[in-house]
C-alpha cells in the first residue's frame, strides 16, 4: 500500500450523473469533495442506458410520426438507416470516451480519483488503482452513489450463455437477425422496440401476465398490441427453463403457462438473448461489512439520504443503491437533496449561512437542522411523486401511485380516464393518433395523486401532472389552468369535465 493519504471533507463513490450532482452541490459552501470512479465518468446513463437507448429509438419514432401525417408520409420512402442510427448512438455516447465529463468535474472544482474504493472503517477508505492502494479519509461524510447492475438469474442456465444485458444491447455494433428479450419491464420493452425498428426478429418473453407491471394495466395492454402490430412476438406467462449456446445461436427452452387454452414447452433459437429481468444495487464490494452493513443489498436511508444503522451520521447514499429510485432523474433529485444537506450541515464558513455566488439561495446550517418534508433538504418526492417515462411506441409515462397502489394505501380513490385521440391536438398531430390518459384522485383532499399517459409524445405531458401532484393543487383550482388549443394538453380540461367540474 502506498504511504500516500488523501483527505477531503466529502468523498462520493460513483461519478455517474447522480454522484456528479451530489458532489457539485456539496462543494458549494467550500467543502473539498472527491469523486471516485473505476469506470467512465458520467456513469451508466451516459454510456449504456438513458442516452444511447433513446438514440437507438429516435429514428423509428421520427419515421412513424412522419408516416402518420398526410403530406409528409409520401416523403418516407425507406426504413431506418441502421448504420446511421448506430453512428448517431456512438456520437451521443462520445464514443465511450469520458474526457468531456472529466473536464466538467475539474471545472466544477472537484477532485477526480480513478479506481475502486472500499470502506475500511468510519470515514476511511482504501482506493485501488493500477495495483496501488491509497488511503482516503473523509472529514465529514461519504456518499455512496455506485448505482446498480443488471441482475441475471442463474436458474435455467441463462447466465452461462453469454447473454446481453442492457449494456451490450445499447452498445451493440451489429443487429442480430433474431433477438430474444427476457423481461417485460422498461429495458425489455424499449430494447424490443429499438431492435424491431433496426430489423431484428424480436421475441419478448415475459413471466408475468402483462408488460410494465408497475404501470396501470391499460398501459401494458396498449403497448403489447402495438408491439405485436409491428411484428414483435409477445409471449406472456413464459419462463426460460433451460439455455445453451452453440454455433447456431442461443437455444432456449421456454415453458408457457396455460393461457387461452394454450400451454406447453417450446424450443426457441435466437442469435442473441437480452436478459432484462431487473437490476440490483451495486454494493457488493464496497466494504460495507466494516461498518456493520450487509454487502449486496440496498442501503436504507431517511429522507435526508442518511444511511440508517451507521453511528455518527457520516454515511449517505443516493440513487439506485437506496432501493428508493430507479431512474436517473429521480437519482439526480436525491443528489441535489443530499448535496444541500452536506453543504449546509458541514458548512465550513463562519456563521454557516451567508449566501455567495456559488451557494444555493437560502441554504443554511439552521435551515437544514430544522428541515421538514418538501424542503430542499428532504427527498419527500421519492414516496409521493416519482415520474417514469418509457420511450416505446406508444410512449408510456406516469407519476405517483397507480389506482391499485392508491387503494392499498387506504385512499378514497376516484379514477377518471379520457381518450387522447378525442382532443383537437391529436387530430393535427397525426392521422391515426391513439392514446389514453387516466388520473387517480384523492377524494378526501380533492387533489390529483397519480396520472398515466399512453400515446405518441406523451413524455412531454408528464411534467404538468408531476407539478399538480407535488403541489397538491386542488382540482377546483386546476380547472382554471387553461390548456392551449389545439394541443394534446386540452385533455386536462376534458378530464376535469369528465369528473363533473
Protein backbone atom coordinates (compact mmCIF):
# COMPACT_ATOMS: atom_id res chain seq x y z
CA UNK A 1 0.00 0.00 0.00
CA UNK A 2 1.19 3.48 -0.82
CA UNK A 3 2.13 5.73 2.10
CA UNK A 4 0.08 8.49 0.49
CA UNK A 5 -3.03 9.65 2.34
CA UNK A 6 -5.58 11.88 0.66
CA UNK A 7 -8.09 13.72 2.81
CA UNK A 8 -11.27 15.52 1.79
CA UNK A 9 -14.35 16.90 3.52
CA UNK A 10 -16.65 14.67 1.45
CA UNK A 11 -15.95 11.59 -0.66
CA UNK A 12 -18.54 10.47 -3.23
CA UNK A 13 -18.31 6.91 -4.52
CA UNK A 14 -19.53 6.81 -8.11
CA UNK A 15 -19.13 9.55 -10.74
CA UNK A 16 -22.29 8.91 -12.70
CA UNK A 17 -24.92 11.58 -13.15
CA UNK A 18 -26.15 11.07 -9.57
CA UNK A 19 -22.71 11.19 -7.97
CA UNK A 20 -21.70 14.21 -10.06
CA UNK A 21 -24.75 16.16 -8.87
CA UNK A 22 -24.24 15.20 -5.23
CA UNK A 23 -20.58 16.22 -5.34
CA UNK A 24 -21.27 19.51 -7.11
CA UNK A 25 -23.98 20.60 -4.67
CA UNK A 26 -21.95 19.53 -1.63
CA UNK A 27 -18.99 21.64 -2.71
CA UNK A 28 -20.85 24.92 -2.98
CA UNK A 29 -20.14 26.14 0.55
CA UNK A 30 -16.44 25.47 0.14
CA UNK A 31 -16.20 21.83 1.21
CA UNK A 32 -13.48 19.86 -0.54
CA UNK A 33 -15.09 16.97 -2.44
CA UNK A 34 -13.61 13.94 -4.18
CA UNK A 35 -15.39 11.86 -6.80
CA UNK A 36 -14.28 8.22 -7.06
CA UNK A 37 -14.86 6.30 -10.30
CA UNK A 38 -13.48 2.97 -11.51
CA UNK A 39 -15.07 3.10 -14.96
CA UNK A 40 -16.28 6.00 -17.13
CA UNK A 41 -17.07 9.36 -15.57
CA UNK A 42 -20.70 10.00 -16.43
CA UNK A 43 -21.82 6.52 -15.49
CA UNK A 44 -24.50 4.18 -16.76
CA UNK A 45 -26.89 6.82 -18.03
CA UNK A 46 -24.38 8.49 -20.31
CA UNK A 47 -22.91 5.38 -21.93
CA UNK A 48 -25.17 2.33 -21.50
CA UNK A 49 -28.68 3.43 -20.52
CA UNK A 50 -30.70 6.62 -20.94
CA UNK A 51 -28.72 8.36 -23.65
CA UNK A 52 -27.77 5.51 -26.04
CA UNK A 53 -31.15 3.81 -25.70
CA UNK A 54 -33.00 6.97 -26.70
CA UNK A 55 -30.63 7.46 -29.62
CA UNK A 56 -31.47 3.94 -30.81
CA UNK A 57 -35.22 4.62 -30.50
CA UNK A 58 -35.40 8.07 -32.07
CA UNK A 59 -35.17 7.17 -35.77
CA UNK A 60 -38.09 4.74 -35.61
CA UNK A 61 -40.17 7.31 -33.74
CA UNK A 62 -39.47 10.02 -36.29
CA UNK A 63 -40.32 7.77 -39.24
CA UNK A 64 -43.57 6.60 -37.61
CA UNK A 65 -44.60 10.20 -36.89
CA UNK A 66 -43.89 11.26 -40.49
CA UNK A 67 -45.79 8.30 -41.94
CA UNK A 68 -48.88 9.35 -39.97
CA UNK A 69 -49.00 12.88 -41.44
CA UNK A 70 -50.53 13.27 -44.92
CA UNK A 71 -48.17 15.40 -46.94
CA UNK A 72 -45.13 14.06 -45.11
CA UNK A 73 -45.85 10.35 -45.49
CA UNK A 74 -45.09 10.38 -49.20
CA UNK A 75 -41.56 11.58 -48.46
CA UNK A 76 -40.82 8.48 -46.37
CA UNK A 77 -39.55 6.04 -48.95
CA UNK A 78 -37.39 3.77 -46.84
CA UNK A 79 -36.86 2.37 -43.41
CA UNK A 80 -34.37 3.00 -40.65
CA UNK A 81 -30.77 3.50 -41.78
CA UNK A 82 -29.12 1.11 -39.32
CA UNK A 83 -25.57 2.31 -39.86
CA UNK A 84 -26.60 5.94 -39.37
CA UNK A 85 -28.55 5.11 -36.20
CA UNK A 86 -25.58 3.27 -34.69
CA UNK A 87 -23.24 6.09 -35.70
CA UNK A 88 -25.52 8.65 -34.06
CA UNK A 89 -25.65 6.49 -30.92
CA UNK A 90 -21.84 6.49 -30.89
CA UNK A 91 -21.83 10.29 -31.06
CA UNK A 92 -24.35 10.56 -28.23
CA UNK A 93 -22.11 8.40 -26.03
CA UNK A 94 -18.99 10.36 -27.07
CA UNK A 95 -17.67 7.04 -28.40
CA UNK A 96 -17.44 5.87 -24.77
CA UNK A 97 -14.79 8.49 -24.06
CA UNK A 98 -15.30 10.40 -20.81
CA UNK A 99 -12.85 13.25 -21.46
CA UNK A 100 -15.68 15.78 -21.66
CA UNK A 101 -17.15 14.62 -18.37
CA UNK A 102 -13.73 14.76 -16.74
CA UNK A 103 -13.36 18.38 -17.87
CA UNK A 104 -16.71 19.18 -16.23
CA UNK A 105 -15.63 17.59 -12.95
CA UNK A 106 -12.38 19.54 -12.92
CA UNK A 107 -14.14 22.76 -13.93
CA UNK A 108 -16.54 22.35 -11.01
CA UNK A 109 -13.61 22.33 -8.59
CA UNK A 110 -13.98 18.65 -7.68
CA UNK A 111 -11.15 16.14 -7.37
CA UNK A 112 -11.48 13.01 -9.51
CA UNK A 113 -9.94 9.84 -8.07
CA UNK A 114 -9.65 6.96 -10.51
CA UNK A 115 -10.00 3.49 -9.06
CA UNK A 116 -12.18 1.33 -6.84
CA UNK A 117 -12.76 2.41 -3.24
CA UNK A 118 -13.71 0.20 -0.29
CA UNK A 119 -14.61 1.31 3.20
CA UNK A 120 -12.20 0.15 5.90
CA UNK A 121 -13.95 1.92 8.77
CA UNK A 122 -15.83 5.08 9.65
CA UNK A 123 -14.89 7.78 7.10
CA UNK A 124 -11.93 5.70 5.98
CA UNK A 125 -11.40 4.07 2.59
CA UNK A 126 -8.77 2.33 0.52
CA UNK A 127 -8.60 3.33 -3.15
CA UNK A 128 -7.17 0.71 -5.51
CA UNK A 129 -5.90 1.86 -8.90
CA UNK A 130 -3.43 0.07 -11.15
CA UNK A 131 -2.31 -2.26 -8.35
CA UNK A 132 -1.64 0.64 -5.98
CA UNK A 133 -3.62 1.18 -2.77
CA UNK A 134 -4.07 4.68 -1.35
CA UNK A 135 -5.75 5.65 1.92
CA UNK A 136 -8.55 8.17 1.53
CA UNK A 137 -10.09 9.92 4.54
CA UNK A 138 -13.37 11.84 4.67
CA UNK A 139 -13.51 14.50 7.38
CA UNK A 140 -17.29 14.71 7.36
CA UNK A 141 -19.13 12.33 5.03
CA UNK A 142 -19.03 9.53 2.49
CA UNK A 143 -21.79 9.32 -0.15
CA UNK A 144 -22.46 6.02 -1.92
CA UNK A 145 -23.69 6.63 -5.48
CA UNK A 146 -22.50 3.46 -7.20
CA UNK A 147 -25.82 2.75 -8.93
CA UNK A 148 -26.99 -0.71 -9.88
CA UNK A 149 -26.04 -3.61 -12.14
CA UNK A 150 -28.13 -5.96 -14.25
CA UNK A 151 -29.40 -8.99 -12.36
CA UNK A 152 -29.05 -12.14 -14.48
CA UNK A 153 -30.81 -15.14 -12.92
CA UNK A 154 -28.72 -18.29 -12.52
CA UNK A 155 -31.71 -20.57 -12.98
CA UNK A 156 -32.12 -22.17 -16.39
CA UNK A 157 -28.54 -21.53 -17.46
CA UNK A 158 -29.17 -18.03 -18.84
CA UNK A 159 -26.13 -16.65 -17.08
CA UNK A 160 -23.92 -19.23 -18.82
CA UNK A 161 -24.77 -18.40 -22.46
CA UNK A 162 -23.07 -15.00 -22.57
CA UNK A 163 -26.38 -13.12 -22.57
CA UNK A 164 -26.74 -9.49 -23.36
CA UNK A 165 -27.69 -7.14 -20.56
CA UNK A 166 -28.74 -3.54 -21.13
CA UNK A 167 -25.05 -2.64 -21.57
CA UNK A 168 -24.50 -4.98 -24.51
CA UNK A 169 -27.83 -4.05 -26.08
CA UNK A 170 -27.28 -0.30 -26.01
CA UNK A 171 -23.66 -0.55 -27.18
CA UNK A 172 -24.15 -3.22 -29.88
CA UNK A 173 -22.44 -2.56 -33.20
CA UNK A 174 -24.31 -5.23 -35.12
CA UNK A 175 -28.01 -6.03 -35.20
CA UNK A 176 -28.83 -9.71 -34.56
CA UNK A 177 -31.24 -11.20 -37.11
CA UNK A 178 -33.09 -12.91 -34.22
CA UNK A 179 -33.25 -11.40 -30.74
CA UNK A 180 -34.96 -12.94 -27.72
CA UNK A 181 -35.71 -10.48 -24.91
CA UNK A 182 -36.40 -11.90 -21.46
CA UNK A 183 -38.34 -9.44 -19.31
CA UNK A 184 -41.29 -7.11 -19.81
CA UNK A 185 -40.09 -4.11 -17.82
CA UNK A 186 -38.73 -0.81 -19.10
CA UNK A 187 -35.46 -2.14 -20.52
CA UNK A 188 -37.15 -5.14 -22.14
CA UNK A 189 -39.86 -3.21 -23.95
CA UNK A 190 -37.61 -0.33 -25.02
CA UNK A 191 -34.99 -2.65 -26.49
CA UNK A 192 -37.67 -4.82 -28.13
CA UNK A 193 -38.94 -1.63 -29.80
CA UNK A 194 -35.48 -0.42 -30.83
CA UNK A 195 -34.26 -3.70 -32.32
CA UNK A 196 -37.52 -4.35 -34.13
CA UNK A 197 -37.02 -0.93 -35.76
CA UNK A 198 -33.44 -1.91 -36.63
CA UNK A 199 -34.59 -5.08 -38.36
CA UNK A 200 -34.35 -7.86 -35.76
CA UNK A 201 -36.96 -10.55 -35.50
CA UNK A 202 -37.82 -9.99 -31.83
CA UNK A 203 -39.44 -12.37 -29.36
CA UNK A 204 -40.38 -10.87 -25.99
CA UNK A 205 -40.65 -13.45 -23.19
CA UNK A 206 -42.43 -12.28 -20.05
CA UNK A 207 -43.05 -14.37 -16.91
CA UNK A 208 -45.97 -12.22 -15.79
CA UNK A 209 -49.33 -11.68 -17.40
CA UNK A 210 -48.67 -8.15 -18.70
CA UNK A 211 -45.98 -5.73 -19.74
CA UNK A 212 -44.81 -2.90 -17.47
CA UNK A 213 -46.19 -4.43 -14.26
CA UNK A 214 -45.53 -1.25 -12.27
CA UNK A 215 -47.78 0.85 -14.55
CA UNK A 216 -51.56 0.85 -14.91
CA UNK A 217 -52.75 -2.34 -16.65
CA UNK A 218 -54.16 -0.47 -19.66
CA UNK A 219 -50.67 0.89 -20.42
CA UNK A 220 -49.09 -2.54 -20.74
CA UNK A 221 -52.02 -3.80 -22.79
CA UNK A 222 -51.76 -0.91 -25.27
CA UNK A 223 -48.02 -1.42 -25.60
CA UNK A 224 -48.38 -5.16 -26.19
CA UNK A 225 -50.87 -4.53 -29.01
CA UNK A 226 -48.55 -2.02 -30.62
CA UNK A 227 -45.53 -4.33 -30.45
CA UNK A 228 -47.49 -7.20 -31.99
CA UNK A 229 -48.71 -4.90 -34.77
CA UNK A 230 -45.07 -4.15 -35.63
CA UNK A 231 -44.13 -7.81 -35.80
CA UNK A 232 -42.78 -8.43 -32.30
CA UNK A 233 -43.87 -11.72 -30.84
CA UNK A 234 -45.05 -11.09 -27.25
CA UNK A 235 -45.26 -14.23 -25.11
CA UNK A 236 -46.78 -13.67 -21.66
CA UNK A 237 -46.57 -16.21 -18.83
CA UNK A 238 -43.46 -17.60 -20.49
CA UNK A 239 -40.43 -18.78 -18.50
CA UNK A 240 -36.99 -19.79 -19.74
CA UNK A 241 -36.16 -23.09 -18.03
CA UNK A 242 -33.01 -24.02 -19.98
CA UNK A 243 -30.48 -22.27 -22.18
CA UNK A 244 -27.42 -23.22 -24.20
CA UNK A 245 -25.30 -21.66 -26.93
CA UNK A 246 -23.61 -23.15 -29.98
CA UNK A 247 -22.62 -22.02 -33.46
CA UNK A 248 -26.30 -21.83 -34.47
CA UNK A 249 -27.11 -19.35 -31.72
CA UNK A 250 -28.77 -19.39 -28.31
CA UNK A 251 -31.18 -22.25 -27.67
CA UNK A 252 -33.92 -21.52 -25.15
CA UNK A 253 -36.39 -23.94 -23.65
CA UNK A 254 -39.49 -21.92 -22.83
CA UNK A 255 -42.38 -23.09 -20.69
CA UNK A 256 -45.73 -21.44 -21.39
CA UNK A 257 -48.30 -21.42 -18.62
CA UNK A 258 -51.95 -22.09 -19.52
CA UNK A 259 -53.45 -19.07 -21.22
CA UNK A 260 -56.32 -19.09 -23.65
CA UNK A 261 -56.20 -22.90 -23.72
CA UNK A 262 -52.53 -22.90 -24.76
CA UNK A 263 -49.62 -24.27 -22.76
CA UNK A 264 -46.56 -26.41 -23.16
CA UNK A 265 -42.85 -26.25 -23.87
CA UNK A 266 -41.21 -24.52 -26.82
CA UNK A 267 -37.71 -24.68 -28.27
CA UNK A 268 -36.66 -21.19 -29.36
CA UNK A 269 -33.45 -20.29 -31.21
CA UNK A 270 -32.09 -16.74 -31.33
CA UNK A 271 -28.81 -15.17 -32.35
CA UNK A 272 -28.68 -13.22 -29.09
CA UNK A 273 -30.67 -13.17 -25.87
CA UNK A 274 -31.13 -10.00 -23.84
CA UNK A 275 -31.84 -10.61 -20.17
CA UNK A 276 -33.78 -7.65 -18.79
CA UNK A 277 -35.26 -9.12 -15.63
CA UNK A 278 -34.22 -6.41 -13.20
CA UNK A 279 -31.28 -4.72 -11.50
CA UNK A 280 -29.63 -4.95 -8.09
CA UNK A 281 -27.78 -2.33 -6.05
CA UNK A 282 -24.04 -2.19 -6.76
CA UNK A 283 -22.97 -2.56 -3.12
CA UNK A 284 -21.21 -5.93 -3.08
CA UNK A 285 -17.59 -4.81 -2.97
CA UNK A 286 -17.65 -1.55 -1.02
CA UNK A 287 -16.50 -2.78 2.38
CA UNK A 288 -19.92 -2.22 3.92
CA UNK A 289 -19.31 -5.08 6.35
CA UNK A 290 -16.63 -2.95 8.07
CA UNK A 291 -19.32 -0.52 9.24
CA UNK A 292 -21.95 -3.11 10.17
CA UNK A 293 -23.90 -3.22 6.89
CA UNK A 294 -24.65 -6.13 4.55
CA UNK A 295 -22.90 -6.09 1.16
CA UNK A 296 -25.07 -6.61 -1.91
CA UNK A 297 -28.26 -5.15 -0.52
CA UNK A 298 -29.94 -1.78 -0.78
CA UNK A 299 -28.85 0.90 1.67
CA UNK A 300 -31.78 2.08 3.76
CA UNK A 301 -31.84 5.84 4.05
CA UNK A 302 -34.05 8.50 5.58
CA UNK A 303 -35.37 11.46 3.62
CA UNK A 304 -32.07 13.29 4.16
CA UNK A 305 -30.46 10.31 2.39
CA UNK A 306 -28.51 9.38 5.53
CA UNK A 307 -27.87 5.64 5.79
CA UNK A 308 -29.64 4.04 8.72
CA UNK A 309 -27.86 1.80 11.20
CA UNK A 310 -24.48 3.57 11.00
CA UNK A 311 -23.31 5.55 14.01
CA UNK A 312 -22.05 9.07 13.63
CA UNK A 313 -24.25 10.30 10.79
CA UNK A 314 -21.41 10.28 8.24
CA UNK A 315 -22.64 7.77 5.61
CA UNK A 316 -25.14 8.79 2.94
CA UNK A 317 -26.46 7.07 -0.19
CA UNK A 318 -28.31 8.24 -3.31
CA UNK A 319 -29.83 6.76 -6.43
CA UNK A 320 -30.26 3.08 -7.24
CA UNK A 321 -28.25 1.87 -4.23
CA UNK A 322 -31.03 3.00 -1.89
CA UNK A 323 -33.77 0.92 -3.50
CA UNK A 324 -35.97 4.04 -3.43
CA UNK A 325 -35.42 5.16 -7.00
CA UNK A 326 -34.59 3.51 -10.29
CA UNK A 327 -34.32 6.42 -12.70
CA UNK A 328 -31.58 8.93 -13.42
CA UNK A 329 -33.83 11.93 -12.93
CA UNK A 330 -35.04 10.82 -9.50
CA UNK A 331 -31.49 9.91 -8.52
CA UNK A 332 -30.34 13.40 -9.51
CA UNK A 333 -33.14 14.80 -7.36
CA UNK A 334 -31.83 12.77 -4.42
CA UNK A 335 -28.34 14.02 -5.25
CA UNK A 336 -29.41 17.65 -5.10
CA UNK A 337 -31.04 17.00 -1.73
CA UNK A 338 -28.05 15.21 -0.19
CA UNK A 339 -25.66 17.78 -1.64
CA UNK A 340 -27.58 20.59 0.05
CA UNK A 341 -27.76 18.59 3.30
CA UNK A 342 -23.98 18.16 3.33
CA UNK A 343 -23.21 21.71 2.18
CA UNK A 344 -25.37 23.12 4.99
CA UNK A 345 -24.72 20.60 7.78
CA UNK A 346 -20.93 20.78 7.40
CA UNK A 347 -20.72 24.37 6.13
CA UNK A 348 -17.12 25.48 6.75
CA UNK A 349 -17.84 29.21 6.55
CA UNK A 350 -18.07 31.35 9.71
CA UNK A 351 -21.74 31.59 10.59
CA UNK A 352 -22.63 28.90 8.07
CA UNK A 353 -25.42 30.82 6.38
CA UNK A 354 -24.15 33.64 4.19
CA UNK A 355 -25.11 33.36 0.54
CA UNK A 356 -22.37 33.62 -2.06
CA UNK A 357 -22.26 33.48 -5.86
CA UNK A 358 -21.98 29.67 -5.90
CA UNK A 359 -24.16 28.96 -2.85
CA UNK A 360 -27.79 27.97 -3.46
CA UNK A 361 -30.09 30.71 -2.27
CA UNK A 362 -31.28 30.31 1.32
CA UNK A 363 -29.00 27.40 2.18
CA UNK A 364 -28.06 27.46 5.87
CA UNK A 365 -26.99 25.25 8.75
CA UNK A 366 -30.03 26.25 10.78
CA UNK A 367 -32.37 25.59 7.87
CA UNK A 368 -31.12 22.04 7.44
CA UNK A 369 -31.30 21.32 11.17
CA UNK A 370 -35.00 22.20 11.25
CA UNK A 371 -35.94 20.88 7.84
CA UNK A 372 -39.22 19.09 7.23
CA UNK A 373 -40.99 17.40 4.30
CA UNK A 374 -40.90 19.17 0.94
CA UNK A 375 -37.93 21.28 1.98
CA UNK A 376 -34.74 21.42 -0.08
CA UNK A 377 -33.14 19.11 2.49
CA UNK A 378 -35.59 16.19 2.35
CA UNK A 379 -36.34 13.86 -0.61
CA UNK A 380 -40.08 13.74 0.01
CA UNK A 381 -40.95 13.17 -3.66
CA UNK A 382 -39.36 9.71 -3.55
CA UNK A 383 -42.50 8.47 -1.82
CA UNK A 384 -45.13 10.73 -3.37
CA UNK A 385 -44.27 11.78 -6.90
CA UNK A 386 -41.80 9.65 -8.84
CA UNK A 387 -42.14 10.23 -12.62
CA UNK A 388 -41.34 7.47 -15.12
CA UNK A 389 -41.23 7.57 -18.91
CA UNK A 390 -40.92 4.54 -21.18
CA UNK A 391 -39.78 5.62 -24.65
CA UNK A 392 -41.56 2.91 -26.58
CA UNK A 393 -44.08 3.49 -29.35
CA UNK A 394 -46.54 4.46 -27.95
CA UNK A 395 -44.75 6.17 -25.10
CA UNK A 396 -45.90 5.36 -21.57
CA UNK A 397 -45.50 7.94 -18.81
CA UNK A 398 -46.76 8.04 -15.26
CA UNK A 399 -46.28 9.73 -11.90
CA UNK A 400 -47.49 8.81 -8.44
CA UNK A 401 -49.33 5.63 -7.44
CA UNK A 402 -51.50 3.53 -9.71
CA UNK A 403 -55.14 3.06 -8.81
CA UNK A 404 -54.34 -0.25 -7.11
CA UNK A 405 -51.45 1.22 -5.14
CA UNK A 406 -53.54 4.19 -4.02
CA UNK A 407 -56.33 1.92 -2.79
CA UNK A 408 -53.81 -0.25 -0.92
CA UNK A 409 -52.57 2.92 0.76
CA UNK A 410 -56.07 3.50 2.08
CA UNK A 411 -57.01 6.47 -0.08
CA UNK A 412 -60.61 7.23 -1.06
CA UNK A 413 -59.88 6.96 -4.75
CA UNK A 414 -61.63 8.33 -7.79
CA UNK A 415 -60.41 7.36 -11.26
CA UNK A 416 -61.04 9.40 -14.40
CA UNK A 417 -59.91 8.42 -17.90
CA UNK A 418 -60.10 10.01 -21.32
CA UNK A 419 -59.23 9.04 -24.89
CA UNK A 420 -56.36 11.24 -26.04
CA UNK A 421 -57.40 10.72 -29.65
CA UNK A 422 -60.55 12.69 -28.86
CA UNK A 423 -58.86 16.05 -28.31
CA UNK A 424 -58.20 18.53 -31.11
CA UNK A 425 -54.45 18.38 -30.65
CA UNK A 426 -54.43 14.71 -31.61
CA UNK A 427 -56.12 15.36 -34.96
CA UNK A 428 -53.36 17.74 -36.05
CA UNK A 429 -50.57 15.57 -34.63
CA UNK A 430 -51.28 12.56 -36.79
CA UNK A 431 -53.98 10.93 -38.89
CA UNK A 432 -54.27 7.85 -36.66
CA UNK A 433 -53.31 9.19 -33.23
CA UNK A 434 -54.22 6.78 -30.44
CA UNK A 435 -53.69 7.30 -26.73
CA UNK A 436 -55.27 7.45 -23.31
CA UNK A 437 -54.91 9.32 -20.04
CA UNK A 438 -56.04 8.13 -16.62
CA UNK A 439 -55.75 10.09 -13.38
CA UNK A 440 -56.13 8.99 -9.78
CA UNK A 441 -57.82 11.46 -7.43
CA UNK A 442 -57.78 11.52 -3.64
CA UNK A 443 -61.42 12.40 -2.99
CA UNK A 444 -60.83 13.33 0.64
CA UNK A 445 -58.42 16.12 -0.33
CA UNK A 446 -59.76 16.71 -3.85
CA UNK A 447 -56.25 16.53 -5.32
CA UNK A 448 -54.53 14.54 -8.02
CA UNK A 449 -52.18 11.85 -6.65
CA UNK A 450 -51.35 9.91 -9.82
CA UNK A 451 -51.58 10.09 -13.60
CA UNK A 452 -50.75 7.77 -16.50
CA UNK A 453 -50.38 8.74 -20.16
CA UNK A 454 -50.13 6.41 -23.15
CA UNK A 455 -49.60 7.70 -26.69
CA UNK A 456 -47.15 9.38 -29.06
CA UNK A 457 -45.06 12.12 -27.42
CA UNK A 458 -46.84 11.91 -24.05
CA UNK A 459 -43.49 12.18 -22.22
CA UNK A 460 -43.72 15.94 -22.63
CA UNK A 461 -47.12 15.97 -20.94
CA UNK A 462 -45.95 14.26 -17.77
CA UNK A 463 -44.36 17.22 -16.03
CA UNK A 464 -47.67 19.09 -15.78
CA UNK A 465 -49.08 16.11 -13.88
CA UNK A 466 -45.97 15.93 -11.71
CA UNK A 467 -46.35 19.60 -10.79
CA UNK A 468 -50.01 19.04 -9.90
CA UNK A 469 -49.14 16.04 -7.69
CA UNK A 470 -46.21 17.71 -5.93
CA UNK A 471 -48.11 20.96 -5.48
CA UNK A 472 -51.26 19.16 -4.28
CA UNK A 473 -53.23 21.52 -6.50
CA UNK A 474 -56.95 21.31 -5.65
CA UNK A 475 -58.98 20.21 -8.66
CA UNK A 476 -61.21 23.27 -8.43
CA UNK A 477 -58.06 25.38 -8.84
CA UNK A 478 -56.65 23.18 -11.57
CA UNK A 479 -59.86 23.91 -13.52
CA UNK A 480 -58.52 27.46 -14.00
CA UNK A 481 -55.29 26.25 -15.68
CA UNK A 482 -56.42 26.80 -19.27
CA UNK A 483 -54.77 24.49 -21.83
CA UNK A 484 -53.67 25.97 -25.14
CA UNK A 485 -55.67 24.99 -28.23
CA UNK A 486 -55.16 22.87 -30.25
CA UNK A 487 -52.69 20.83 -28.18
CA UNK A 488 -52.79 17.45 -26.50
CA UNK A 489 -52.83 19.33 -23.18
CA UNK A 490 -56.51 20.01 -23.81
CA UNK A 491 -57.06 16.59 -22.28
CA UNK A 492 -56.70 18.23 -18.86
CA UNK A 493 -59.91 20.17 -19.48
CA UNK A 494 -61.66 17.01 -20.69
CA UNK A 495 -60.56 15.05 -17.62
CA UNK A 496 -61.95 17.71 -15.31
CA UNK A 497 -65.20 17.82 -17.26
CA UNK A 498 -65.45 14.04 -17.07
CA UNK A 499 -65.05 14.36 -13.32
CA UNK A 500 -68.04 16.68 -13.20
CA UNK A 501 -66.24 20.02 -12.98
